[in-house]
Amino acid sequence: MATSVKIGIIGGSGVEDASVFEIEDRKEMIVETPFGPPSDKLITGKVSGIDCVFLSRHAKGHKIMPSRINYRANIHALKSLGCTHILATNAHGSLRENVHPGTLVFPTQFIDRTTSRRQTFFDNSTEAYPGVCHVPMAEPFCLETRQILVDVCQKENIDHYKIEATTVTIEGPRFSTRAESKLFRSWGADIIGMTTVPEVVLAKEASMCYCCIALPTDYDSWKEEEEGVTVQHVVDMFKSNVTKAAKLIHAAIPVIAARDWTQKLKHLKDVVDQAVMG
């Protein structure tokens, strides 16, 4: 029997209201976790007849800064409600001339520049996650889910998307200096954000199919001929980005649900089980 699919949607900056996803039979839930409270109430319901759960990463009204987000509680809460997949939207800056603001980007790799975030469930703080997990991270994002998103973009005529990219996650909440932005470019990074890590790492530990939908809003700070990124730059690009991301997710959910993920999810669990020591 095929594994039942439930899609978790994590809304990032500018995607903090579940109404953009037209969720039917909506119910708000307060979920308790061993790691404390999630960012906000979770909203359960259906999109195109498929069970979904929405969570605002920064809380409604953008109240929680990137390094204060309780990533472990967020992922654990979605897992506890039965989510098998996570589609996460993240505001980003572009580090490449050909990645224009408004482009949808599906990262395949990340570079982690954060310093203060808890990146594992397995720290022996709860009986639910005993031992130490040396989870493999060579392929951090779910390639199968990502390919579905690319296919849906083509089918739905959603233009301006980038299939492969490396994202760098910085601590925030400040933006980069020009020197930092140029350094990240020299490392081969294509986009830059503040929330992909540790979210993707924790999703891998929770054996979930995680895909990031990065929404570039600006060119960060590397273009010397232009003013560096500001909050106003970001806000000005939110509206078009949100509409495009919502259209993609709404169309992709039934395609994801139509596939048999039994073996993929079993493989993810086996990988984590084999990575735990102690």
C-alpha atoms as a PDB file:
ATOM      1  CA  MET A   1       0.000   0.000   0.000  1.00  0.00           C
ATOM      2  CA  ALA A   2       1.339   3.444  -0.937  1.00  0.00           C
ATOM      3  CA  THR A   3       2.299   5.773   1.895  1.00  0.00           C
ATOM      4  CA  SER A   4      -0.217   8.534   2.532  1.00  0.00           C
ATOM      5  CA  VAL A   5       1.164  11.942   1.573  1.00  0.00           C
ATOM      6  CA  LYS A   6       0.695  15.126   3.559  1.00  0.00           C
ATOM      7  CA  ILE A   7       2.359  18.369   2.490  1.00  0.00           C
ATOM      8  CA  GLY A   8       3.827  20.838   4.945  1.00  0.00           C
ATOM      9  CA  ILE A   9       4.076  24.396   3.649  1.00  0.00           C
ATOM     10  CA  ILE A  10       6.460  26.732   5.453  1.00  0.00           C
ATOM     11  CA  GLY A  11       5.788  30.329   4.558  1.00  0.00           C
ATOM     12  CA  GLY A  12       8.780  32.628   4.753  1.00  0.00           C
ATOM     13  CA  SER A  13       9.066  36.389   4.497  1.00  0.00           C
ATOM     14  CA  GLY A  14       6.138  37.757   2.535  1.00  0.00           C
ATOM     15  CA  VAL A  15       4.332  34.401   2.603  1.00  0.00           C
ATOM     16  CA  GLU A  16       3.095  34.588   6.165  1.00  0.00           C
ATOM     17  CA  ASP A  17      -0.632  34.313   5.462  1.00  0.00           C
ATOM     18  CA  ALA A  18      -2.078  30.905   4.579  1.00  0.00           C
ATOM     19  CA  SER A  19      -4.894  32.482   2.573  1.00  0.00           C
ATOM     20  CA  VAL A  20      -2.679  32.743  -0.536  1.00  0.00           C
ATOM     21  CA  PHE A  21      -2.763  28.939  -0.814  1.00  0.00           C
ATOM     22  CA  GLU A  22      -6.576  28.675  -0.803  1.00  0.00           C
ATOM     23  CA  ILE A  23      -6.604  26.067   1.960  1.00  0.00           C
ATOM     24  CA  GLU A  24     -10.031  24.466   2.389  1.00  0.00           C
ATOM     25  CA  ASP A  25     -11.511  23.104   5.647  1.00  0.00           C
ATOM     26  CA  ARG A  26      -9.053  25.242   7.588  1.00  0.00           C
ATOM     27  CA  LYS A  27      -8.418  24.579  11.253  1.00  0.00           C
ATOM     28  CA  GLU A  28      -5.898  26.248  13.538  1.00  0.00           C
ATOM     29  CA  MET A  29      -3.910  24.006  15.845  1.00  0.00           C
ATOM     30  CA  ILE A  30      -1.614  24.698  18.783  1.00  0.00           C
ATOM     31  CA  VAL A  31       1.040  21.976  18.744  1.00  0.00           C
ATOM     32  CA  GLU A  32       3.314  21.234  21.677  1.00  0.00           C
ATOM     33  CA  THR A  33       6.761  19.771  21.031  1.00  0.00           C
ATOM     34  CA  PRO A  34       9.683  18.565  23.197  1.00  0.00           C
ATOM     35  CA  PHE A  35      11.592  21.590  21.888  1.00  0.00           C
ATOM     36  CA  GLY A  36       9.095  24.254  22.860  1.00  0.00           C
ATOM     37  CA  PRO A  37       6.442  26.041  20.801  1.00  0.00           C
ATOM     38  CA  PRO A  38       6.583  26.385  16.991  1.00  0.00           C
ATOM     39  CA  SER A  39       6.698  29.827  15.443  1.00  0.00           C
ATOM     40  CA  ASP A  40       2.921  30.093  15.214  1.00  0.00           C
ATOM     41  CA  LYS A  41      -0.300  28.125  15.178  1.00  0.00           C
ATOM     42  CA  LEU A  42      -0.370  25.472  12.483  1.00  0.00           C
ATOM     43  CA  ILE A  43      -3.160  25.603   9.927  1.00  0.00           C
ATOM     44  CA  THR A  44      -4.439  22.272   8.653  1.00  0.00           C
ATOM     45  CA  GLY A  45      -6.732  21.689   5.702  1.00  0.00           C
ATOM     46  CA  LYS A  46      -6.717  20.653   2.071  1.00  0.00           C
ATOM     47  CA  VAL A  47      -5.266  22.094  -1.120  1.00  0.00           C
ATOM     48  CA  SER A  48      -6.736  20.552  -4.273  1.00  0.00           C
ATOM     49  CA  GLY A  49      -8.131  17.810  -2.051  1.00  0.00           C
ATOM     50  CA  ILE A  50      -4.717  16.943  -0.560  1.00  0.00           C
ATOM     51  CA  ASP A  51      -4.016  17.140   3.174  1.00  0.00           C
ATOM     52  CA  CYS A  52      -1.711  20.064   3.945  1.00  0.00           C
ATOM     53  CA  VAL A  53      -0.345  21.921   6.967  1.00  0.00           C
ATOM     54  CA  PHE A  54       0.762  25.558   6.820  1.00  0.00           C
ATOM     55  CA  LEU A  55       3.196  27.210   9.220  1.00  0.00           C
ATOM     56  CA  SER A  56       4.460  30.781   9.147  1.00  0.00           C
ATOM     57  CA  ARG A  57       8.202  30.626   9.839  1.00  0.00           C
ATOM     58  CA  HIS A  58       8.492  34.135  11.275  1.00  0.00           C
ATOM     59  CA  ALA A  59       4.946  34.116  12.748  1.00  0.00           C
ATOM     60  CA  LYS A  60       2.185  36.268  11.391  1.00  0.00           C
ATOM     61  CA  GLY A  61       3.364  39.855  11.271  1.00  0.00           C
ATOM     62  CA  HIS A  62       7.030  38.825  10.894  1.00  0.00           C
ATOM     63  CA  LYS A  63       7.741  38.850  14.620  1.00  0.00           C
ATOM     64  CA  ILE A  64      10.616  36.351  14.879  1.00  0.00           C
ATOM     65  CA  MET A  65      14.078  37.111  13.485  1.00  0.00           C
ATOM     66  CA  PRO A  66      15.953  34.323  11.659  1.00  0.00           C
ATOM     67  CA  SER A  67      18.206  33.171  14.506  1.00  0.00           C
ATOM     68  CA  ARG A  68      15.381  33.182  17.061  1.00  0.00           C
ATOM     69  CA  ILE A  69      13.152  30.863  15.038  1.00  0.00           C
ATOM     70  CA  ASN A  70      12.568  27.574  16.835  1.00  0.00           C
ATOM     71  CA  TYR A  71      13.442  25.455  13.823  1.00  0.00           C
ATOM     72  CA  ARG A  72      13.403  22.193  15.791  1.00  0.00           C
ATOM     73  CA  ALA A  73       9.905  22.835  17.108  1.00  0.00           C
ATOM     74  CA  ASN A  74       8.685  23.813  13.631  1.00  0.00           C
ATOM     75  CA  ILE A  75       9.939  20.669  11.911  1.00  0.00           C
ATOM     76  CA  HIS A  76       8.944  18.387  14.782  1.00  0.00           C
ATOM     77  CA  ALA A  77       5.425  19.856  14.776  1.00  0.00           C
ATOM     78  CA  LEU A  78       4.982  19.245  11.043  1.00  0.00           C
ATOM     79  CA  LYS A  79       6.340  15.715  11.404  1.00  0.00           C
ATOM     80  CA  SER A  80       4.033  14.992  14.352  1.00  0.00           C
ATOM     81  CA  LEU A  81       1.025  15.974  12.232  1.00  0.00           C
ATOM     82  CA  GLY A  82       2.023  13.409   9.627  1.00  0.00           C
ATOM     83  CA  CYS A  83       3.728  15.596   7.026  1.00  0.00           C
ATOM     84  CA  THR A  84       5.867  13.639   4.581  1.00  0.00           C
ATOM     85  CA  HIS A  85       6.985  16.604   2.481  1.00  0.00           C
ATOM     86  CA  ILE A  86       7.911  20.218   3.111  1.00  0.00           C
ATOM     87  CA  LEU A  87       7.667  22.967   0.513  1.00  0.00           C
ATOM     88  CA  ALA A  88       9.459  25.939   2.037  1.00  0.00           C
ATOM     89  CA  THR A  89       9.504  29.466   0.653  1.00  0.00           C
ATOM     90  CA  ASN A  90      12.485  31.626   1.558  1.00  0.00           C
ATOM     91  CA  ALA A  91      13.251  35.234   0.652  1.00  0.00           C
ATOM     92  CA  HIS A  92      16.732  35.465  -0.880  1.00  0.00           C
ATOM     93  CA  GLY A  93      19.156  37.868  -2.444  1.00  0.00           C
ATOM     94  CA  SER A  94      20.710  37.129  -5.822  1.00  0.00           C
ATOM     95  CA  LEU A  95      24.477  36.787  -6.167  1.00  0.00           C
ATOM     96  CA  ARG A  96      24.354  36.375  -9.956  1.00  0.00           C
ATOM     97  CA  GLU A  97      23.513  38.784 -12.764  1.00  0.00           C
ATOM     98  CA  ASN A  98      21.379  36.134 -14.486  1.00  0.00           C
ATOM     99  CA  VAL A  99      19.297  35.366 -11.371  1.00  0.00           C
ATOM    100  CA  HIS A 100      16.943  38.306 -11.529  1.00  0.00           C
ATOM    101  CA  PRO A 101      14.676  39.405  -8.684  1.00  0.00           C
ATOM    102  CA  GLY A 102      11.358  37.644  -9.199  1.00  0.00           C
ATOM    103  CA  THR A 103      13.005  34.435 -10.417  1.00  0.00           C
ATOM    104  CA  LEU A 104      12.036  31.199  -8.668  1.00  0.00           C
ATOM    105  CA  VAL A 105      15.128  29.264  -7.621  1.00  0.00           C
ATOM    106  CA  PHE A 106      15.284  25.628  -6.496  1.00  0.00           C
ATOM    107  CA  PRO A 107      18.581  25.166  -4.630  1.00  0.00           C
ATOM    108  CA  THR A 108      20.469  21.895  -4.803  1.00  0.00           C
ATOM    109  CA  GLN A 109      23.264  22.791  -2.340  1.00  0.00           C
ATOM    110  CA  PHE A 110      23.865  25.088   0.603  1.00  0.00           C
ATOM    111  CA  ILE A 111      26.800  26.770   2.325  1.00  0.00           C
ATOM    112  CA  ASP A 112      26.199  27.343   6.024  1.00  0.00           C
ATOM    113  CA  ARG A 113      27.513  30.550   7.587  1.00  0.00           C
ATOM    114  CA  THR A 114      25.317  30.493  10.694  1.00  0.00           C
ATOM    115  CA  THR A 115      26.893  30.194  14.117  1.00  0.00           C
ATOM    116  CA  SER A 116      24.239  30.115  16.829  1.00  0.00           C
ATOM    117  CA  ARG A 117      21.513  27.691  15.723  1.00  0.00           C
ATOM    118  CA  ARG A 118      20.716  24.217  16.969  1.00  0.00           C
ATOM    119  CA  GLN A 119      21.086  22.005  13.922  1.00  0.00           C
ATOM    120  CA  THR A 120      20.105  18.595  15.248  1.00  0.00           C
ATOM    121  CA  PHE A 121      17.318  16.858  17.122  1.00  0.00           C
ATOM    122  CA  PHE A 122      19.800  14.287  18.393  1.00  0.00           C
ATOM    123  CA  ASP A 123      21.438  16.089  21.306  1.00  0.00           C
ATOM    124  CA  ASN A 124      20.052  13.756  24.002  1.00  0.00           C
ATOM    125  CA  SER A 125      17.732  16.482  25.268  1.00  0.00           C
ATOM    126  CA  THR A 126      14.671  14.311  24.607  1.00  0.00           C
ATOM    127  CA  GLU A 127      14.026  10.567  24.594  1.00  0.00           C
ATOM    128  CA  ALA A 128      12.441  10.865  21.147  1.00  0.00           C
ATOM    129  CA  TYR A 129      15.864  11.439  19.566  1.00  0.00           C
ATOM    130  CA  PRO A 130      18.532   9.425  21.433  1.00  0.00           C
ATOM    131  CA  GLY A 131      22.180   9.310  20.415  1.00  0.00           C
ATOM    132  CA  VAL A 132      24.140  11.455  17.970  1.00  0.00           C
ATOM    133  CA  CYS A 133      23.116  11.691  14.319  1.00  0.00           C
ATOM    134  CA  HIS A 134      25.843  12.199  11.716  1.00  0.00           C
ATOM    135  CA  VAL A 135      23.294  12.678   8.960  1.00  0.00           C
ATOM    136  CA  PRO A 136      24.679  12.646   5.381  1.00  0.00           C
ATOM    137  CA  MET A 137      24.187  15.991   3.665  1.00  0.00           C
ATOM    138  CA  ALA A 138      25.748  15.509   0.229  1.00  0.00           C
ATOM    139  CA  GLU A 139      22.263  15.965  -1.283  1.00  0.00           C
ATOM    140  CA  PRO A 140      20.411  18.140   1.228  1.00  0.00           C
ATOM    141  CA  PHE A 141      17.260  18.794  -0.815  1.00  0.00           C
ATOM    142  CA  CYS A 142      14.803  16.266  -2.230  1.00  0.00           C
ATOM    143  CA  LEU A 143      15.709  15.967  -5.893  1.00  0.00           C
ATOM    144  CA  GLU A 144      12.460  14.167  -6.785  1.00  0.00           C
ATOM    145  CA  THR A 145      10.265  16.862  -5.267  1.00  0.00           C
ATOM    146  CA  ARG A 146      12.407  19.536  -6.865  1.00  0.00           C
ATOM    147  CA  GLN A 147      11.973  17.930 -10.300  1.00  0.00           C
ATOM    148  CA  ILE A 148       8.207  17.959  -9.845  1.00  0.00           C
ATOM    149  CA  LEU A 149       8.356  21.695  -9.145  1.00  0.00           C
ATOM    150  CA  VAL A 150      10.416  22.244 -12.290  1.00  0.00           C
ATOM    151  CA  ASP A 151       7.996  20.146 -14.360  1.00  0.00           C
ATOM    152  CA  VAL A 152       5.024  22.088 -12.973  1.00  0.00           C
ATOM    153  CA  CYS A 153       6.704  25.393 -13.841  1.00  0.00           C
ATOM    154  CA  GLN A 154       6.984  24.208 -17.436  1.00  0.00           C
ATOM    155  CA  LYS A 155       3.425  22.875 -17.575  1.00  0.00           C
ATOM    156  CA  GLU A 156       1.876  25.964 -15.969  1.00  0.00           C
ATOM    157  CA  ASN A 157       3.994  28.402 -18.004  1.00  0.00           C
ATOM    158  CA  ILE A 158       5.601  29.806 -14.872  1.00  0.00           C
ATOM    159  CA  ASP A 159       8.634  31.474 -16.414  1.00  0.00           C
ATOM    160  CA  HIS A 160      11.867  32.779 -14.927  1.00  0.00           C
ATOM    161  CA  TYR A 161      13.069  29.941 -12.766  1.00  0.00           C
ATOM    162  CA  LYS A 162      16.520  28.514 -12.087  1.00  0.00           C
ATOM    163  CA  ILE A 163      16.871  24.751 -11.838  1.00  0.00           C
ATOM    164  CA  GLU A 164      20.176  24.431  -9.974  1.00  0.00           C
ATOM    165  CA  ALA A 165      21.735  26.765  -7.444  1.00  0.00           C
ATOM    166  CA  THR A 166      23.839  26.956  -4.324  1.00  0.00           C
ATOM    167  CA  THR A 167      22.447  29.051  -1.510  1.00  0.00           C
ATOM    168  CA  VAL A 168      24.472  30.502   1.333  1.00  0.00           C
ATOM    169  CA  THR A 169      22.706  30.933   4.680  1.00  0.00           C
ATOM    170  CA  ILE A 170      23.918  33.785   6.870  1.00  0.00           C
ATOM    171  CA  GLU A 171      23.060  34.497  10.474  1.00  0.00           C
ATOM    172  CA  GLY A 172      21.184  37.744   9.934  1.00  0.00           C
ATOM    173  CA  PRO A 173      19.171  39.750  10.609  1.00  0.00           C
ATOM    174  CA  ARG A 174      21.573  42.245   9.052  1.00  0.00           C
ATOM    175  CA  PHE A 175      22.338  42.113   5.349  1.00  0.00           C
ATOM    176  CA  SER A 176      25.823  41.435   3.954  1.00  0.00           C
ATOM    177  CA  THR A 177      28.624  43.933   3.480  1.00  0.00           C
ATOM    178  CA  ARG A 178      29.873  44.322  -0.087  1.00  0.00           C
ATOM    179  CA  ALA A 179      33.018  42.391   0.858  1.00  0.00           C
ATOM    180  CA  GLU A 180      30.984  39.486   2.233  1.00  0.00           C
ATOM    181  CA  SER A 181      28.691  39.467  -0.773  1.00  0.00           C
ATOM    182  CA  LYS A 182      31.659  39.338  -3.159  1.00  0.00           C
ATOM    183  CA  LEU A 183      33.243  36.566  -1.071  1.00  0.00           C
ATOM    184  CA  PHE A 184      30.118  34.432  -1.310  1.00  0.00           C
ATOM    185  CA  ARG A 185      30.098  34.962  -5.086  1.00  0.00           C
ATOM    186  CA  SER A 186      33.705  33.800  -5.283  1.00  0.00           C
ATOM    187  CA  TRP A 187      32.699  30.609  -3.443  1.00  0.00           C
ATOM    188  CA  GLY A 188      30.217  29.775  -6.184  1.00  0.00           C
ATOM    189  CA  ALA A 189      27.058  30.698  -4.298  1.00  0.00           C
ATOM    190  CA  ASP A 190      24.157  31.861  -6.478  1.00  0.00           C
ATOM    191  CA  ILE A 191      21.724  33.167  -3.862  1.00  0.00           C
ATOM    192  CA  ILE A 192      21.821  34.212  -0.219  1.00  0.00           C
ATOM    193  CA  GLY A 193      19.271  33.934   2.570  1.00  0.00           C
ATOM    194  CA  MET A 194      18.880  33.596   6.330  1.00  0.00           C
ATOM    195  CA  THR A 195      16.604  30.607   7.004  1.00  0.00           C
ATOM    196  CA  THR A 196      17.393  27.562   4.847  1.00  0.00           C
ATOM    197  CA  VAL A 197      19.796  26.210   7.471  1.00  0.00           C
ATOM    198  CA  PRO A 198      19.093  24.487   9.825  1.00  0.00           C
ATOM    199  CA  GLU A 199      15.575  23.899   8.486  1.00  0.00           C
ATOM    200  CA  VAL A 200      16.706  21.600   5.650  1.00  0.00           C
ATOM    201  CA  VAL A 201      19.051  19.686   7.980  1.00  0.00           C
ATOM    202  CA  LEU A 202      16.321  19.025  10.537  1.00  0.00           C
ATOM    203  CA  ALA A 203      13.918  17.925   7.812  1.00  0.00           C
ATOM    204  CA  LYS A 204      16.515  15.376   6.686  1.00  0.00           C
ATOM    205  CA  GLU A 205      16.861  14.106  10.275  1.00  0.00           C
ATOM    206  CA  ALA A 206      13.068  13.826  10.410  1.00  0.00           C
ATOM    207  CA  SER A 207      13.100  11.741   7.194  1.00  0.00           C
ATOM    208  CA  MET A 208      11.021  14.259   5.260  1.00  0.00           C
ATOM    209  CA  CYS A 209      11.228  15.265   1.606  1.00  0.00           C
ATOM    210  CA  TYR A 210      12.265  18.920   1.778  1.00  0.00           C
ATOM    211  CA  CYS A 211      12.384  21.374  -1.113  1.00  0.00           C
ATOM    212  CA  CYS A 212      13.241  25.061  -0.943  1.00  0.00           C
ATOM    213  CA  ILE A 213      11.521  27.563  -3.208  1.00  0.00           C
ATOM    214  CA  ALA A 214      13.851  30.544  -3.033  1.00  0.00           C
ATOM    215  CA  LEU A 215      12.379  33.922  -3.930  1.00  0.00           C
ATOM    216  CA  PRO A 216      15.118  36.431  -4.842  1.00  0.00           C
ATOM    217  CA  THR A 217      14.061  39.988  -4.136  1.00  0.00           C
ATOM    218  CA  ASP A 218      17.303  41.914  -4.735  1.00  0.00           C
ATOM    219  CA  TYR A 219      20.978  41.687  -5.728  1.00  0.00           C
ATOM    220  CA  ASP A 220      22.306  41.681  -2.156  1.00  0.00           C
ATOM    221  CA  SER A 221      25.269  44.074  -1.869  1.00  0.00           C
ATOM    222  CA  TRP A 222      27.816  42.970  -4.484  1.00  0.00           C
ATOM    223  CA  LYS A 223      26.866  45.396  -7.256  1.00  0.00           C
ATOM    224  CA  GLU A 224      29.003  48.461  -6.602  1.00  0.00           C
ATOM    225  CA  GLU A 225      27.118  50.535  -9.159  1.00  0.00           C
ATOM    226  CA  GLU A 226      23.886  50.019  -7.210  1.00  0.00           C
ATOM    227  CA  GLU A 227      22.683  50.723  -3.704  1.00  0.00           C
ATOM    228  CA  GLY A 228      22.967  47.707  -1.391  1.00  0.00           C
ATOM    229  CA  VAL A 229      19.913  45.722  -0.408  1.00  0.00           C
ATOM    230  CA  THR A 230      17.401  47.406   1.890  1.00  0.00           C
ATOM    231  CA  VAL A 231      14.145  46.316   3.491  1.00  0.00           C
ATOM    232  CA  GLN A 232      12.277  48.440   0.934  1.00  0.00           C
ATOM    233  CA  HIS A 233      13.896  46.512  -1.942  1.00  0.00           C
ATOM    234  CA  VAL A 234      12.718  43.275  -0.375  1.00  0.00           C
ATOM    235  CA  VAL A 235       9.175  44.486   0.340  1.00  0.00           C
ATOM    236  CA  ASP A 236       8.734  45.866  -3.169  1.00  0.00           C
ATOM    237  CA  MET A 237       9.383  42.428  -4.679  1.00  0.00           C
ATOM    238  CA  PHE A 238       7.252  40.421  -2.260  1.00  0.00           C
ATOM    239  CA  LYS A 239       3.936  40.776  -4.053  1.00  0.00           C
ATOM    240  CA  SER A 240       4.909  39.285  -7.417  1.00  0.00           C
ATOM    241  CA  ASN A 241       7.026  36.593  -5.741  1.00  0.00           C
ATOM    242  CA  VAL A 242       4.190  35.489  -3.476  1.00  0.00           C
ATOM    243  CA  THR A 243       1.720  35.198  -6.353  1.00  0.00           C
ATOM    244  CA  LYS A 244       4.132  33.093  -8.405  1.00  0.00           C
ATOM    245  CA  ALA A 245       5.119  30.833  -5.479  1.00  0.00           C
ATOM    246  CA  ALA A 246       1.500  30.272  -4.479  1.00  0.00           C
ATOM    247  CA  LYS A 247       0.558  29.318  -8.049  1.00  0.00           C
ATOM    248  CA  LEU A 248       3.437  26.849  -8.193  1.00  0.00           C
ATOM    249  CA  ILE A 249       2.707  25.218  -4.846  1.00  0.00           C
ATOM    250  CA  HIS A 250      -1.026  24.979  -5.526  1.00  0.00           C
ATOM    251  CA  ALA A 251      -0.363  23.221  -8.837  1.00  0.00           C
ATOM    252  CA  ALA A 252       2.436  21.000  -7.512  1.00  0.00           C
ATOM    253  CA  ILE A 253       0.643  19.543  -4.492  1.00  0.00           C
ATOM    254  CA  PRO A 254      -1.667  17.145  -6.380  1.00  0.00           C
ATOM    255  CA  VAL A 255       1.248  16.041  -8.580  1.00  0.00           C
ATOM    256  CA  ILE A 256       3.328  15.226  -5.494  1.00  0.00           C
ATOM    257  CA  ALA A 257       0.404  13.381  -3.909  1.00  0.00           C
ATOM    258  CA  ALA A 258      -0.173  11.267  -7.041  1.00  0.00           C
ATOM    259  CA  ARG A 259       3.269   9.665  -6.773  1.00  0.00           C
ATOM    260  CA  ASP A 260       4.114   6.642  -4.617  1.00  0.00           C
ATOM    261  CA  TRP A 261       6.705   7.839  -2.083  1.00  0.00           C
ATOM    262  CA  THR A 262       6.866   4.643  -0.036  1.00  0.00           C
ATOM    263  CA  GLN A 263      10.394   3.637  -1.031  1.00  0.00           C
ATOM    264  CA  LYS A 264      11.750   7.177  -0.940  1.00  0.00           C
ATOM    265  CA  LEU A 265      10.486   7.786   2.598  1.00  0.00           C
ATOM    266  CA  LYS A 266      11.740   4.395   3.732  1.00  0.00           C
ATOM    267  CA  HIS A 267      15.159   5.218   2.301  1.00  0.00           C
ATOM    268  CA  LEU A 268      15.245   8.553   4.152  1.00  0.00           C
ATOM    269  CA  LYS A 269      14.400   6.814   7.425  1.00  0.00           C
ATOM    270  CA  ASP A 270      17.002   4.116   6.827  1.00  0.00           C
ATOM    271  CA  VAL A 271      19.659   6.758   6.169  1.00  0.00           C
ATOM    272  CA  VAL A 272      18.916   8.470   9.472  1.00  0.00           C
ATOM    273  CA  ASP A 273      18.742   5.209  11.408  1.00  0.00           C
ATOM    274  CA  GLN A 274      22.171   4.233  10.084  1.00  0.00           C
ATOM    275  CA  ALA A 275      23.580   7.671  10.903  1.00  0.00           C
ATOM    276  CA  VAL A 276      22.715   7.543  14.606  1.00  0.00           C
ATOM    277  CA  MET A 277      25.452   6.483  17.002  1.00  0.00           C
ATOM    278  CA  GLY A 278      25.112   5.819  20.706  1.00  0.00           C
END
